[in-house]
Protein backbone atom coordinates (compact mmCIF):
# COMPACT_ATOMS: atom_id res chain seq x y z
CA MET A 1 222.76 116.00 95.30
CA ALA A 2 225.24 118.98 95.96
CA SER A 3 228.25 118.36 98.05
CA PRO A 4 228.77 119.91 101.47
CA ASN A 5 231.83 121.76 100.23
CA GLY A 6 229.89 123.70 97.69
CA LEU A 7 227.45 124.64 100.43
CA ASN A 8 230.23 125.83 102.63
CA GLY A 9 231.59 128.02 99.81
CA THR A 10 228.21 129.56 99.36
CA LEU A 11 227.97 130.31 103.05
CA ALA A 12 231.44 131.92 102.98
CA VAL A 13 230.48 134.22 100.19
CA LEU A 14 227.42 135.25 102.09
CA ASN A 15 229.40 136.01 105.19
CA ALA A 16 232.18 138.15 103.39
CA PRO A 17 232.03 141.97 103.69
CA SER A 18 231.09 143.96 100.67
CA ASN A 19 233.75 146.83 100.93
CA GLY A 20 236.96 144.72 101.27
CA THR A 21 237.63 145.72 104.88
CA SER A 22 237.74 143.46 107.85
CA PRO A 23 234.43 142.53 108.99
CA PRO A 24 233.01 144.27 111.96
CA SER A 25 231.62 142.36 114.84
CA PRO A 26 228.60 140.66 113.64
CA PRO A 27 225.28 141.76 115.01
CA LEU A 28 222.97 139.42 116.91
CA GLN A 29 220.85 138.55 113.88
CA THR A 30 223.90 137.61 111.90
CA ILE A 31 225.01 135.36 114.70
CA GLU A 32 221.65 133.65 114.75
CA LEU A 33 221.79 133.31 111.02
CA SER A 34 225.22 131.83 111.21
CA GLU A 35 224.06 129.36 113.79
CA ARG A 36 221.19 128.38 111.60
CA LEU A 37 223.42 128.07 108.58
CA SER A 38 225.77 125.94 110.59
CA THR A 39 222.90 123.76 111.64
CA LEU A 40 221.72 123.59 108.07
CA GLN A 41 225.19 122.65 106.90
CA GLN A 42 225.27 119.83 109.36
CA SER A 43 221.89 118.67 108.19
CA MET A 44 223.01 118.80 104.58
CA GLU A 45 226.06 116.77 105.43
CA THR A 46 223.89 114.26 107.17
CA LEU A 47 221.60 114.10 104.17
CA TRP A 48 224.57 113.65 101.87
CA GLN A 49 225.75 110.83 103.97
CA ASN A 50 222.28 109.29 103.76
CA ARG A 51 221.91 109.76 99.99
CA ASN A 52 221.69 106.02 99.52
CA VAL A 53 218.66 106.01 101.68
CA PHE A 54 217.05 108.53 99.33
CA LYS A 55 217.88 106.27 96.46
CA ASP A 56 216.09 103.47 98.24
CA VAL A 57 213.19 105.82 98.87
CA GLU A 58 213.13 106.73 95.20
CA ALA A 59 213.13 103.05 94.36
CA VAL A 60 210.32 102.54 96.83
CA LEU A 61 208.42 105.46 95.30
CA SER A 62 208.96 104.00 91.86
CA ASP A 63 207.68 100.67 93.12
CA ASN A 64 204.83 102.53 94.74
CA LYS A 65 203.91 104.08 91.38
CA ASN A 66 203.96 100.66 89.83
CA CYS A 67 201.80 99.36 92.65
CA GLN A 68 199.38 102.26 92.17
CA GLY A 69 199.10 101.39 88.47
CA ALA A 70 198.49 97.78 89.37
CA LEU A 71 196.00 98.94 92.01
CA ARG A 72 194.23 101.11 89.46
CA ALA A 73 194.08 98.17 87.10
CA SER A 74 192.79 96.01 89.95
CA MET A 75 190.13 98.65 90.84
CA GLU A 76 189.05 98.86 87.23
CA HIS A 77 188.83 95.10 87.15
CA PHE A 78 186.93 95.22 90.46
CA HIS A 79 184.45 97.75 89.12
CA GLN A 80 184.04 95.68 85.99
CA VAL A 81 183.45 92.56 88.07
CA LYS A 82 181.06 94.51 90.34
CA ALA A 83 179.09 95.77 87.31
CA GLU A 84 178.91 92.24 85.99
CA ASN A 85 177.83 91.09 89.46
CA ASP A 86 175.10 93.78 89.63
CA ASN A 87 173.93 92.76 86.20
CA MET A 88 173.86 89.16 87.29
CA GLN A 89 171.95 90.14 90.49
CA SER A 90 169.41 92.04 88.36
CA GLN A 91 169.09 89.04 86.12
CA ILE A 92 168.72 86.81 89.17
CA ALA A 93 165.98 89.14 90.58
CA SER A 94 164.22 89.20 87.22
CA GLN A 95 164.48 85.44 87.02
CA GLY A 96 163.10 85.23 90.60
CA THR A 97 160.08 87.33 89.58
CA THR A 98 159.64 85.17 86.54
CA ILE A 99 159.96 82.07 88.70
CA ARG A 100 157.35 83.39 91.18
CA ARG A 101 155.03 84.30 88.31
CA LEU A 102 155.54 80.85 86.84
CA GLU A 103 154.93 79.30 90.26
CA GLY A 104 151.65 81.32 90.54
CA ARG A 105 150.70 80.19 87.08
CA VAL A 106 151.56 76.62 88.03
CA GLU A 107 149.38 76.95 91.17
CA GLU A 108 146.55 78.38 89.10
CA LEU A 109 146.93 75.53 86.63
CA ARG A 110 146.88 73.09 89.54
CA LYS A 111 143.60 74.60 90.80
CA LYS A 112 142.12 74.48 87.32
CA ALA A 113 143.32 70.92 87.02
CA ALA A 114 141.59 70.13 90.33
CA ILE A 115 138.39 71.77 89.05
CA LYS A 116 138.71 69.87 85.80
CA ASP A 117 139.19 66.68 87.78
CA ARG A 118 136.09 67.45 89.84
CA ASP A 119 134.10 68.34 86.72
CA LEU A 120 135.39 65.21 85.07
CA LYS A 121 134.28 63.22 88.07
CA ILE A 122 130.83 64.85 87.95
CA ILE A 123 130.63 64.28 84.21
CA THR A 124 131.65 60.71 84.74
CA GLU A 125 128.97 60.27 87.37
CA SER A 126 126.45 62.07 85.13
CA ASN A 127 127.41 59.82 82.27
CA ALA A 128 126.81 56.86 84.50
CA THR A 129 123.43 58.28 85.51
CA LEU A 130 122.60 59.09 81.89
CA LYS A 131 123.58 55.62 80.88
CA SER A 132 121.28 54.26 83.57
CA GLU A 133 118.50 56.60 82.48
CA ALA A 134 119.15 55.73 78.86
CA THR A 135 118.74 52.10 79.78
CA GLU A 136 115.47 52.89 81.52
CA GLU A 137 114.32 55.03 78.60
CA LYS A 138 115.19 52.24 76.24
CA LYS A 139 113.04 49.91 78.29
CA LYS A 140 110.24 52.50 78.25
CA ILE A 141 110.59 52.96 74.51
CA GLU A 142 110.37 49.24 74.06
CA ALA A 143 107.27 49.24 76.27
CA LEU A 144 105.85 52.17 74.27
CA LEU A 145 106.49 50.35 71.04
CA VAL A 146 104.56 47.44 72.41
CA ALA A 147 101.81 49.82 73.55
CA ASN A 148 101.87 51.52 70.15
CA ASP A 149 101.30 48.21 68.49
CA THR A 150 98.40 47.69 70.85
CA LEU A 151 97.06 51.19 70.11
CA THR A 152 97.38 50.60 66.40
CA ARG A 153 95.22 47.56 66.75
CA ASP A 154 92.79 49.50 68.99
CA LYS A 155 92.76 52.40 66.49
CA LYS A 156 91.60 50.16 63.75
CA SER A 157 88.89 48.91 66.08
CA LEU A 158 87.89 52.45 67.10
CA GLU A 159 87.78 53.78 63.56
CA GLY A 160 84.82 51.59 62.93
CA LYS A 161 83.13 52.82 66.09
CA LEU A 162 84.02 56.43 65.18
CA SER A 163 82.23 56.20 61.90
CA GLN A 164 79.15 55.02 63.76
CA GLN A 165 79.44 57.83 66.36
CA SER A 166 79.99 60.41 63.60
CA ALA A 167 76.65 59.48 62.19
CA GLN A 168 75.13 59.79 65.68
CA LEU A 169 76.90 63.16 66.16
CA ALA A 170 75.45 64.48 62.93
CA LYS A 171 72.02 63.47 64.14
CA LEU A 172 72.62 65.11 67.57
CA THR A 173 73.97 68.27 65.89
CA ALA A 174 70.76 68.57 63.95
CA GLN A 175 68.82 68.14 67.19
CA VAL A 176 70.99 70.80 68.91
CA GLU A 177 70.34 73.27 66.11
CA THR A 178 66.65 72.60 66.50
CA LEU A 179 66.92 73.16 70.27
CA LYS A 180 68.92 76.38 69.69
CA THR A 181 66.22 77.67 67.42
CA GLN A 182 63.59 76.82 70.01
CA HIS A 183 65.74 78.35 72.78
CA HIS A 184 66.23 81.60 70.87
CA ALA A 185 62.51 81.72 70.29
CA LYS A 186 61.88 81.20 74.03
CA VAL A 187 64.51 83.80 74.95
CA GLY A 188 62.89 86.29 72.60
CA GLU A 189 59.50 85.54 74.10
CA LEU A 190 60.86 85.86 77.65
CA LYS A 191 62.55 89.13 76.71
CA ARG A 192 59.27 90.43 75.34
CA GLN A 193 57.55 89.32 78.53
CA LEU A 194 60.29 90.96 80.62
CA ASP A 195 59.95 94.17 78.63
CA THR A 196 56.22 93.98 79.20
CA LEU A 197 56.78 93.48 82.94
CA ASN A 198 59.26 96.34 83.02
CA SER A 199 56.72 98.53 81.29
CA TYR A 200 54.46 97.93 84.30
CA ALA A 201 57.25 98.88 86.73
CA ILE A 202 58.38 102.44 87.30
CA PRO A 203 62.13 103.02 86.88
CA ILE A 204 63.39 103.66 90.39
CA HIS A 205 65.80 106.58 90.54
CA ASN A 206 68.28 107.88 93.06
CA LEU A 207 68.26 111.28 94.69
CA PRO A 208 71.18 112.66 96.70
CA LEU A 209 70.44 112.32 100.37
CA GLN A 210 70.90 116.04 100.95
CA ASP A 211 68.22 116.82 98.32
CA ALA A 212 65.75 114.45 99.95
CA SER A 213 66.67 115.94 103.33
CA ALA A 214 65.92 119.42 101.98
CA LYS A 215 62.42 118.31 100.90
CA LEU A 216 61.75 116.70 104.29
CA ASP A 217 63.03 119.81 106.06
CA SER A 218 60.70 121.93 103.93
CA ILE A 219 57.76 119.77 105.08
CA PHE A 220 58.75 120.30 108.72
CA GLN A 221 59.35 124.03 108.38
CA SER A 222 55.97 124.60 106.72
CA ALA A 223 54.24 122.57 109.45
CA HIS A 224 56.10 124.49 112.15
CA ARG A 225 55.13 127.83 110.59
CA LEU A 226 51.50 126.71 110.30
CA VAL A 227 51.19 125.54 113.92
CA SER A 228 53.27 128.33 115.44
CA GLY A 229 51.34 130.98 113.52
CA CYS A 230 48.08 129.85 115.13
CA PHE A 231 49.00 128.48 118.57
CA ALA A 232 52.08 130.52 119.56
CA THR A 233 49.94 133.67 119.65
CA ASP A 234 48.03 135.23 122.54
CA LEU A 235 44.69 133.46 123.06
CA PRO A 236 41.66 135.16 124.65
CA ALA A 237 41.37 134.83 128.43
CA HIS A 238 38.02 133.03 128.23
CA VAL A 239 39.75 130.11 126.51
CA PHE A 240 41.61 129.37 129.76
CA ALA A 241 38.53 129.73 131.96
CA ARG A 242 37.96 126.96 134.47
CA ASP A 243 34.71 125.93 132.86
CA SER A 244 35.96 126.26 129.25
CA ASP A 245 34.90 123.19 127.28
CA ASP A 246 37.15 124.18 124.37
CA TRP A 247 40.28 124.11 126.56
CA LYS A 248 39.24 120.78 128.06
CA ALA A 249 38.68 119.33 124.59
CA PHE A 250 42.02 120.70 123.43
CA THR A 251 43.99 119.29 126.36
CA SER A 252 42.16 115.98 126.08
CA ALA A 253 42.94 115.65 122.36
CA VAL A 254 46.55 116.79 122.22
CA GLY A 255 47.57 116.63 125.87
CA ASP A 256 50.54 114.39 126.43
CA THR A 257 51.68 113.32 129.87
CA ASN A 258 55.15 114.50 128.89
CA ILE A 259 53.99 117.84 127.42
CA PRO A 260 52.21 119.99 130.04
CA LEU A 261 49.87 122.74 128.79
CA PRO A 262 49.84 125.86 131.00
CA PRO A 263 46.56 127.79 130.49
CA SER A 264 48.29 131.10 129.79
CA ASN A 265 50.07 133.12 127.13
CA THR A 266 53.58 132.95 128.57
CA LEU A 267 56.54 131.95 126.41
CA ASP A 268 56.66 128.50 128.01
CA ALA A 269 52.91 128.03 127.50
CA LYS A 270 53.11 129.00 123.83
CA ARG A 271 56.11 126.68 123.34
CA MET A 272 54.23 123.73 124.89
CA ARG A 273 51.04 124.45 122.88
CA THR A 274 53.07 124.53 119.66
CA ALA A 275 54.90 121.33 120.58
CA ALA A 276 51.68 119.50 121.52
CA VAL A 277 49.85 120.46 118.31
CA LEU A 278 52.92 119.74 116.19
CA ARG A 279 53.26 116.30 117.81
CA PHE A 280 49.55 115.61 117.22
CA LEU A 281 49.96 116.62 113.56
CA ALA A 282 53.14 114.52 113.26
CA LYS A 283 51.42 111.41 114.67
CA ASN A 284 48.63 111.76 112.10
CA ALA A 285 51.13 112.37 109.29
CA VAL A 286 53.23 109.34 110.24
CA ALA A 287 50.12 107.14 110.37
CA LYS A 288 48.52 108.34 107.13
CA LEU A 289 50.65 110.69 105.02
CA PHE A 290 54.20 109.33 105.37
CA GLN A 291 53.08 105.92 104.09
CA PRO A 292 52.94 104.28 100.62
CA PHE A 293 49.94 105.62 98.71
CA TYR A 294 49.32 102.32 96.96
CA THR A 295 47.82 101.02 100.22
CA LEU A 296 44.07 101.14 100.52
CA GLU A 297 42.14 103.94 102.13
CA HIS A 298 41.30 102.07 105.30
CA GLY A 299 44.75 100.81 106.19
CA SER A 300 47.94 99.16 105.01
CA GLU A 301 46.52 95.70 104.34
CA LEU A 302 47.92 95.63 100.78
CA SER A 303 51.43 96.39 102.00
CA ASP A 304 51.08 93.87 104.83
CA TRP A 305 49.79 91.24 102.40
CA LEU A 306 52.77 91.78 100.11
CA HIS A 307 55.30 91.48 102.94
CA GLU A 308 53.67 88.28 104.15
CA ARG A 309 53.77 86.58 100.75
CA ILE A 310 57.00 87.84 99.18
CA ASP A 311 60.25 86.96 100.91
CA ASP A 312 62.60 87.91 98.08
CA ASP A 313 63.65 91.57 98.36
CA GLU A 314 64.20 91.85 94.61
CA HIS A 315 60.73 90.45 93.88
CA LEU A 316 59.18 92.73 96.49
CA ASN A 317 61.00 95.70 95.01
CA PHE A 318 59.65 94.81 91.56
CA VAL A 319 56.07 94.61 92.90
CA ARG A 320 56.63 97.97 94.60
CA ARG A 321 57.80 99.45 91.28
CA VAL A 322 54.74 98.02 89.54
CA LEU A 323 52.42 99.59 92.12
CA LEU A 324 54.24 102.90 91.85
CA ARG A 325 53.99 102.76 88.04
CA ALA A 326 50.27 102.07 88.24
CA GLU A 327 49.83 104.81 90.81
CA ALA A 328 51.74 107.23 88.57
CA ARG A 329 49.50 106.32 85.59
CA PRO A 330 52.22 106.04 82.90
CA ALA A 331 51.47 106.87 79.29
CA THR A 332 52.52 103.36 78.23
CA MET A 333 49.72 101.77 80.22
CA ASP A 334 46.08 101.97 79.24
CA GLY A 335 43.01 100.18 80.34
CA VAL A 336 40.06 100.45 82.64
CA GLN A 337 41.74 98.39 85.37
CA ASN A 338 44.76 100.70 85.57
CA ASP A 339 42.56 103.80 85.46
CA LEU A 340 40.51 102.37 88.29
CA PHE A 341 43.58 101.61 90.40
CA HIS A 342 45.03 105.03 89.62
CA ALA A 343 41.78 106.73 90.60
CA GLU A 344 41.55 104.70 93.79
CA THR A 345 45.08 105.54 94.89
CA HIS A 346 44.60 109.24 94.18
CA ALA A 347 41.27 109.17 95.93
CA ALA A 348 42.90 107.42 98.87
CA ALA A 349 45.63 110.07 98.94
CA ARG A 350 43.10 112.89 98.86
CA ALA A 351 40.95 111.17 101.46
CA LYS A 352 43.94 110.76 103.74
CA ALA A 353 44.89 114.43 103.37
CA VAL A 354 41.34 115.67 103.96
CA GLY A 355 40.82 113.20 106.78
CA ARG A 356 43.99 114.32 108.55
CA ALA A 357 43.02 117.96 108.15
CA LEU A 358 39.55 117.35 109.59
CA SER A 359 40.92 115.23 112.42
CA VAL A 360 43.51 117.78 113.47
CA ARG A 361 41.14 120.72 113.12
CA GLY A 362 38.46 118.97 115.13
CA ALA A 363 40.92 118.28 117.92
CA VAL A 364 42.70 121.61 118.24
CA GLY A 365 40.61 124.21 116.42
CA GLY A 366 38.21 124.79 119.32
CA ILE A 367 40.52 127.13 121.20
CA LEU A 368 40.84 129.40 118.15
CA SER A 369 38.36 132.00 117.07
CA GLN A 370 36.05 131.04 114.23
CA GLU A 371 38.01 133.14 111.78
CA ALA A 372 41.36 131.78 112.96
CA SER A 373 39.97 128.23 112.96
CA ASP A 374 38.77 128.57 109.36
CA ALA A 375 42.13 130.01 108.25
CA PHE A 376 43.93 127.21 110.11
CA PHE A 377 41.74 124.56 108.43
CA VAL A 378 42.43 125.98 104.95
CA ALA A 379 46.18 126.19 105.59
CA LEU A 380 46.17 122.74 107.19
CA GLY A 381 44.35 121.22 104.21
CA ARG A 382 46.85 122.81 101.86
CA TRP A 383 49.76 121.51 103.94
CA CYS A 384 48.32 117.98 104.02
CA ALA A 385 47.75 117.97 100.25
CA GLU A 386 51.21 119.37 99.47
CA THR A 387 52.87 116.99 101.91
CA ALA A 388 51.02 114.03 100.42
CA GLU A 389 52.00 115.08 96.90
CA THR A 390 55.67 115.64 97.85
CA TRP A 391 55.81 112.27 99.56
CA ARG A 392 54.04 110.51 96.67
CA THR A 393 56.01 112.04 93.79
CA ASP A 394 59.43 112.97 95.26
CA ILE A 395 60.15 110.67 98.20
CA GLN A 396 58.20 107.46 97.61
CA PRO A 397 59.61 106.60 94.11
CA LEU A 398 63.22 106.67 95.34
CA ARG A 399 65.27 103.48 95.35
CA ASP A 400 65.86 103.62 99.11
CA VAL A 401 62.67 103.48 101.15
CA PHE A 402 62.21 106.36 103.60
CA GLN A 403 60.69 105.68 107.01
CA ALA A 404 59.30 108.16 109.54
CA LEU A 405 59.99 107.24 113.20
CA LEU A 406 58.40 109.19 116.03
CA ASP A 407 58.08 107.26 119.29
CA LEU A 408 61.22 105.17 119.82
CA ASP A 409 62.51 103.22 122.79
CA ASP A 410 65.28 104.80 124.83
CA ASP A 411 67.82 102.23 123.67
CA GLU A 412 67.08 103.17 120.04
CA LEU A 413 67.81 106.88 120.49
CA GLU A 414 71.00 108.56 119.30
CA VAL A 415 71.80 112.06 120.48
CA ASN A 416 72.99 113.22 117.05
CA GLU A 417 69.66 112.24 115.43
CA TRP A 418 67.50 114.76 117.33
CA ARG A 419 67.33 118.54 117.68
CA VAL A 420 65.61 120.85 120.15
CA LEU A 421 62.42 122.35 118.69
CA PRO A 422 63.12 126.03 117.86
CA ASP A 423 60.92 128.65 119.53
CA THR A 424 60.32 130.36 116.19
CA PRO A 425 60.06 128.64 112.78
CA ASP A 426 62.03 129.66 109.72
CA LYS A 427 60.42 132.44 107.76
CA ASP A 428 59.42 131.58 104.23
CA ASP A 429 61.17 134.67 102.82
CA GLY A 430 64.66 133.41 101.97
CA ASN A 431 66.27 134.98 105.05
CA ALA A 432 68.71 133.13 107.27
CA PRO A 433 67.02 130.26 109.13
CA SER A 434 66.53 130.30 112.87
CA PRO A 435 69.29 128.57 114.84
CA VAL A 436 68.56 124.96 115.75
CA LEU A 437 70.08 123.84 119.04
CA PRO A 438 71.70 120.40 119.17
CA LEU A 439 70.74 117.98 121.90
CA ASP A 440 73.35 117.75 124.67
CA SER A 441 72.30 114.33 125.96
CA ILE A 442 69.68 111.79 124.99
CA ASN A 443 68.57 111.82 128.64
CA ASP A 444 67.41 115.43 128.15
CA VAL A 445 64.52 114.32 125.91
CA ALA A 446 61.09 114.81 127.47
CA ALA A 447 58.89 114.22 124.39
CA HIS A 448 59.30 113.68 120.65
CA VAL A 449 57.59 116.39 118.63
CA TRP A 450 58.52 115.65 114.99
CA PRO A 451 59.60 112.31 113.49
CA LEU A 452 63.07 111.19 112.53
CA PHE A 453 63.38 110.11 108.88
CA MET A 454 65.68 107.17 108.06
CA SER A 455 66.75 105.81 104.68
CA ASN A 456 68.89 102.72 104.21
CA GLY A 457 70.30 103.08 107.72
CA ASN A 458 71.16 106.77 107.24
CA VAL A 459 69.55 109.78 108.88
CA ALA A 460 67.78 111.71 106.15
CA GLN A 461 66.23 114.29 108.49
CA CYS A 462 66.70 114.76 112.23
CA GLY A 463 63.69 114.66 114.52
CA PHE A 464 62.72 117.39 116.98
CA VAL A 465 62.07 117.18 120.72
CA VAL A 466 61.28 119.29 123.77
CA THR A 467 63.70 118.99 126.66
CA LYS A 468 63.10 118.13 130.29
CA ALA A 469 64.20 121.63 131.31
CA GLN A 470 61.52 123.21 129.08
CA VAL A 471 58.89 120.79 130.38
CA ALA A 472 59.92 121.44 134.00
CA ARG A 473 59.29 125.17 133.61
CA ALA A 474 55.89 124.51 132.04
CA LYS A 475 54.94 122.05 134.81
CA LEU A 476 55.90 124.63 137.40
CA GLU A 477 53.58 127.13 135.72
CA VAL A 478 50.76 124.56 135.61
CA GLY A 479 51.24 123.90 139.33
CA GLN A 480 51.23 127.61 140.12
CA PHE A 481 48.04 128.08 138.08
CA ALA A 482 46.37 125.15 139.87
CA ALA A 483 47.38 126.54 143.26
CA MET A 484 46.05 129.95 142.29
CA GLN A 485 42.74 128.39 141.21
CA ASN A 486 42.50 126.48 144.51
CA ASN A 487 43.10 129.69 146.43
CA SER A 488 40.47 131.41 144.34
CA ARG A 489 37.96 128.66 145.09
CA ARG A 490 38.66 128.90 148.83
CA VAL A 491 38.19 132.65 148.71
CA ASN A 492 34.93 132.22 146.81
CA ARG A 493 33.66 129.62 149.30
CA ALA A 494 34.52 131.85 152.26
CA SER A 495 32.83 134.79 150.61
CA ALA A 496 29.76 132.67 149.94
CA ARG A 497 29.63 131.57 153.58
CA ARG A 498 29.88 135.14 154.77
CA SER A 499 27.12 136.19 152.40
CA SER A 500 24.81 133.42 153.60
CA GLY A 501 25.47 134.30 157.31
CA SER A 502 24.47 137.95 156.93
CA ASP A 503 21.03 136.99 155.67
CA ARG A 504 20.07 134.99 158.85
CA ILE A 505 17.49 136.37 161.56
CA PRO A 506 19.09 137.10 165.00
CA SER A 507 18.01 134.82 167.89
CA THR A 508 15.86 135.98 170.90
CA ALA A 509 18.63 135.44 173.35
CA ASN A 510 20.85 137.73 171.52
CA GLN A 511 18.16 140.37 171.34
CA ASN A 512 17.49 140.23 175.05
CA PHE A 513 21.16 140.38 175.73
């Protein structure tokens, strides 16, 4: 450290003038600088006096450097220890994970050991059961061995019996073969007999219901055209005369209490005439034409006899097929007896057709002119013959029997089974048919005009009726005509009385008066 004297010399040099003259009065800044230098000099002197303290400080700083080196060494050792500690902590954590995994494995092994113990217990119990069962089986085997010995002895006994039964079986086998031969012979004979029986029976066939309905509708339409063409026309006035026997015979024959017959040519009168004649024709057709033609001419006694003596439907159906085959005169059947039956059934059919034509003509033909009556009879005979042939060849041989129903009880009527009789029939020219009105209610029926045809519980052809409204209008006209006739008779009687009074001779009193 520099001495204070050296510092003072330096300060003196600084304060000396530069030109060798006495210094002028110092300025203010110089004074301040001098004061500062003086203060600094004092401080330097103080520091010089305290130089030993600086030595101590330097010693302390030297010690401090040594301490810092030791501290750095300690920090390095600390970091090394800390790294080792972290490594050990990581190892401890890893070992903890391993320990937990091992503990889980140990727990799993404990559970498996428990399961093994349970299974072992079950196996032990099963072994005990099996041992018990084995003991029982052993006893059974011993019993079976005893039974086997018994069976062996019985087998030897049965072998002798078997040889005897084998001989008997051979004998029975020979007998069975003989019976088989006889049975086959009988079956062949029965088959030949069945074929023979089937040759006498016509093969029943089916016809779609709509096709059969079309044929039945054709029968009705032709009948409607026939009757309407003759009785829905204007009749001469003399036919309706009060003393007309033809009109009386007509109303007596076809008159129905439910079908009034106005003696006129109005639309209602023509409708009622057509309905009455058509109903009369339908009743005759139901009784004679819409019936099996293998019945006799004078009735249905053959059919009744069959129903009384044959209860089995299949047997009755076979007899019906036989009768139809005989009636059809098949080529596979010959003989006088079949020809006779065939001739009788055809004769019966023709007789029925002719008889119905004569019966209907005799009842209703009187109100027609002779020419119209003859034309009606010819057309009626043709209709009866064609209807009989259609029924015999197309309807009767069907599997399902068709039945014509005309007069039914009220509780047997269904509204959808009947139609209102059209005013005009269908024309036989292929044009669109006339509309047929459905029946609104079964209570509207006044009279049945044409039969309902049923087959196996199904409606094959609806029947036709006249309604109460139509009948009411016709009855009103009949009443008006009767009232008019009564008025006419009163007028005629009054006129007759007046005529008889004018022919009398005046009395004397009146003359004198």
